[in-house]
Amino acid sequence: MTFWKLAFECKWIDAEGLRAAVKTESNPFGEITPEEYKQITGIDFN
């Protein structure tokens, strides 16, 4: 999660782009959980 947090804070990626890194049923190879997404962005992952 540290890399993705840094990338978001440095504006290398926006919240919409970060959604692609979230592990879900349709994306089992994601690197962060929906809870980590919320910690990084402050936005619920729905």
C-alpha atoms as a PDB file:
ATOM      1  CA  MET A   1       0.000   0.000   0.000  1.00  0.00           C
ATOM      2  CA  THR A   2       2.913   2.365   0.644  1.00  0.00           C
ATOM      3  CA  PHE A   3       3.674   2.739  -3.069  1.00  0.00           C
ATOM      4  CA  TRP A   4       0.058   3.482  -3.969  1.00  0.00           C
ATOM      5  CA  LYS A   5      -0.276   5.984  -1.126  1.00  0.00           C
ATOM      6  CA  LEU A   6       2.849   7.800  -2.327  1.00  0.00           C
ATOM      7  CA  ALA A   7       1.661   7.712  -5.945  1.00  0.00           C
ATOM      8  CA  PHE A   8      -1.694   9.232  -4.961  1.00  0.00           C
ATOM      9  CA  GLU A   9      -0.145  11.906  -2.727  1.00  0.00           C
ATOM     10  CA  CYS A  10       2.325  12.906  -5.469  1.00  0.00           C
ATOM     11  CA  LYS A  11      -0.555  13.018  -7.986  1.00  0.00           C
ATOM     12  CA  TRP A  12       1.034  10.357 -10.184  1.00  0.00           C
ATOM     13  CA  ILE A  13      -2.375   8.659 -10.154  1.00  0.00           C
ATOM     14  CA  ASP A  14      -5.861   9.923  -9.353  1.00  0.00           C
ATOM     15  CA  ALA A  15      -8.623   8.183  -7.395  1.00  0.00           C
ATOM     16  CA  GLU A  16     -10.214   6.826 -10.571  1.00  0.00           C
ATOM     17  CA  GLY A  17      -6.933   5.336 -11.784  1.00  0.00           C
ATOM     18  CA  LEU A  18      -6.229   3.866  -8.371  1.00  0.00           C
ATOM     19  CA  ARG A  19      -9.457   1.855  -8.611  1.00  0.00           C
ATOM     20  CA  ALA A  20      -7.627  -0.460 -11.050  1.00  0.00           C
ATOM     21  CA  ALA A  21      -5.233  -1.494  -8.249  1.00  0.00           C
ATOM     22  CA  VAL A  22      -8.017  -2.653  -5.910  1.00  0.00           C
ATOM     23  CA  LYS A  23      -8.423  -6.408  -5.401  1.00  0.00           C
ATOM     24  CA  THR A  24     -12.004  -7.462  -6.209  1.00  0.00           C
ATOM     25  CA  GLU A  25     -13.792 -10.553  -7.529  1.00  0.00           C
ATOM     26  CA  SER A  26     -13.431  -9.215 -11.070  1.00  0.00           C
ATOM     27  CA  ASN A  27      -9.808  -8.125 -10.444  1.00  0.00           C
ATOM     28  CA  PRO A  28      -8.226 -10.829  -8.258  1.00  0.00           C
ATOM     29  CA  PHE A  29      -4.731  -9.546  -9.063  1.00  0.00           C
ATOM     30  CA  GLY A  30      -5.241  -6.132  -7.468  1.00  0.00           C
ATOM     31  CA  GLU A  31      -2.649  -4.958  -4.971  1.00  0.00           C
ATOM     32  CA  ILE A  32      -4.752  -3.102  -2.383  1.00  0.00           C
ATOM     33  CA  THR A  33      -8.008  -3.836  -0.584  1.00  0.00           C
ATOM     34  CA  PRO A  34     -11.121  -1.671  -0.762  1.00  0.00           C
ATOM     35  CA  GLU A  35     -10.372  -0.598   2.828  1.00  0.00           C
ATOM     36  CA  GLU A  36      -6.859   0.508   1.856  1.00  0.00           C
ATOM     37  CA  TYR A  37      -8.337   2.428  -1.096  1.00  0.00           C
ATOM     38  CA  LYS A  38     -10.475   4.397   1.359  1.00  0.00           C
ATOM     39  CA  GLN A  39      -7.472   5.025   3.640  1.00  0.00           C
ATOM     40  CA  ILE A  40      -5.491   6.397   0.687  1.00  0.00           C
ATOM     41  CA  THR A  41      -8.190   8.458  -1.044  1.00  0.00           C
ATOM     42  CA  GLY A  42     -10.763   9.152   1.656  1.00  0.00           C
ATOM     43  CA  ILE A  43     -13.406   7.863  -0.772  1.00  0.00           C
ATOM     44  CA  ASP A  44     -15.448   4.682  -0.274  1.00  0.00           C
ATOM     45  CA  PHE A  45     -14.747   1.988  -2.859  1.00  0.00           C
ATOM     46  CA  ASN A  46     -18.136   0.914  -4.237  1.00  0.00           C
END
